[in-house]
Amino acid sequence: MKVQTTIQKWGNSLAIRITGPLKTIPHFSANMRVEVDVSKSGLVIHPLAKNEKKLLLFSEVQLLKGLTAKKAHADEVVDIHHREFENHE
């Protein structure tokens, strides 16, 4: 299906409204998360799977790479005294 529409200003952004025949596209609904592929030729919009989570910039392995006890300041960890857990008035 090809439909012509107009890019319009929406606040400080630009927007394309999904109206008329476009709103009947299967698998799209209000407030659903989508992925937009951008290329020189244009935009392609895909629905995200319901269980698909937002991708993080770094993996756990990347974040922990090179971490040592000294760099983590493990020497600054304080033991909690048992009196800190007692109710004192």
Protein backbone atom coordinates (compact mmCIF):
# COMPACT_ATOMS: atom_id res chain seq x y z
CA MET A 1 0.00 0.00 0.00
CA LYS A 2 1.32 3.45 -0.86
CA VAL A 3 -0.24 6.55 0.63
CA GLN A 4 0.80 10.17 0.23
CA THR A 5 0.87 12.35 3.33
CA THR A 6 2.58 15.50 4.61
CA ILE A 7 5.30 15.86 7.23
CA GLN A 8 4.04 18.45 9.70
CA LYS A 9 5.49 20.42 12.58
CA TRP A 10 4.55 19.04 16.02
CA GLY A 11 6.01 21.19 18.80
CA ASN A 12 9.77 21.29 18.17
CA SER A 13 9.61 18.08 16.13
CA LEU A 14 8.39 16.84 12.77
CA ALA A 15 5.66 14.21 12.58
CA ILE A 16 3.83 11.98 10.15
CA ARG A 17 0.30 11.16 11.29
CA ILE A 18 -1.00 7.67 10.67
CA THR A 19 -4.54 8.39 9.49
CA GLY A 20 -7.19 7.06 7.14
CA PRO A 21 -6.14 3.83 5.43
CA LEU A 22 -2.81 3.75 7.30
CA LYS A 23 -4.52 3.24 10.66
CA THR A 24 -5.81 -0.14 9.49
CA ILE A 25 -2.29 -1.55 9.07
CA PRO A 26 -2.16 -4.91 10.87
CA HIS A 27 -0.14 -5.11 14.09
CA PHE A 28 0.01 -1.34 14.72
CA SER A 29 -1.92 0.35 17.55
CA ALA A 30 -1.80 3.48 19.68
CA ASN A 31 1.11 3.71 22.16
CA MET A 32 2.90 0.65 20.82
CA ARG A 33 6.69 0.70 20.63
CA VAL A 34 8.22 0.63 17.16
CA GLU A 35 11.67 0.54 15.63
CA VAL A 36 12.49 3.03 12.86
CA ASP A 37 15.15 2.05 10.31
CA VAL A 38 16.69 5.15 8.73
CA SER A 39 18.53 5.02 5.42
CA LYS A 40 19.32 7.39 2.55
CA SER A 41 16.18 6.23 0.78
CA GLY A 42 13.82 6.88 3.72
CA LEU A 43 12.27 5.39 6.85
CA VAL A 44 10.90 1.92 7.56
CA ILE A 45 8.81 1.37 10.71
CA HIS A 46 8.60 -2.06 12.34
CA PRO A 47 6.61 -3.03 15.44
CA LEU A 48 8.72 -4.29 18.34
CA ALA A 49 7.86 -7.70 19.72
CA LYS A 50 5.93 -7.40 23.00
CA ASN A 51 8.70 -9.06 24.98
CA GLU A 52 11.51 -7.23 23.18
CA LYS A 53 13.32 -4.90 25.53
CA LYS A 54 15.09 -1.69 24.73
CA LEU A 55 18.71 -2.39 23.82
CA LEU A 56 21.32 -1.12 26.25
CA LEU A 57 24.38 0.74 25.06
CA PHE A 58 26.78 -1.53 26.92
CA SER A 59 26.66 -5.19 27.91
CA GLU A 60 27.38 -6.32 31.46
CA VAL A 61 30.69 -7.78 30.25
CA GLN A 62 31.72 -4.43 28.75
CA LEU A 63 30.81 -2.55 31.93
CA LEU A 64 32.78 -4.94 34.16
CA LYS A 65 35.82 -5.24 31.88
CA GLY A 66 38.95 -4.20 33.77
CA LEU A 67 37.13 -3.81 37.08
CA THR A 68 39.28 -4.67 40.07
CA ALA A 69 38.69 -4.50 43.83
CA LYS A 70 40.79 -1.33 43.93
CA LYS A 71 38.91 0.35 41.09
CA ALA A 72 35.59 -0.65 42.71
CA HIS A 73 36.78 0.87 46.02
CA ALA A 74 36.13 -2.44 47.79
CA ASP A 75 38.50 -1.31 50.53
CA GLU A 76 36.00 1.42 51.43
CA VAL A 77 33.12 -0.92 52.20
CA VAL A 78 32.14 -0.58 55.83
CA ASP A 79 30.81 -3.43 57.96
CA ILE A 80 27.38 -2.61 59.34
CA HIS A 81 27.19 -2.70 63.14
CA HIS A 82 24.36 -4.80 64.61
CA ARG A 83 23.07 -1.78 66.57
CA GLU A 84 22.16 -0.08 63.28
CA PHE A 85 19.36 -2.62 62.89
CA GLU A 86 17.91 -2.20 66.38
CA ASN A 87 14.97 0.13 67.07
CA HIS A 88 16.22 3.03 69.17
CA GLU A 89 14.01 5.90 70.25
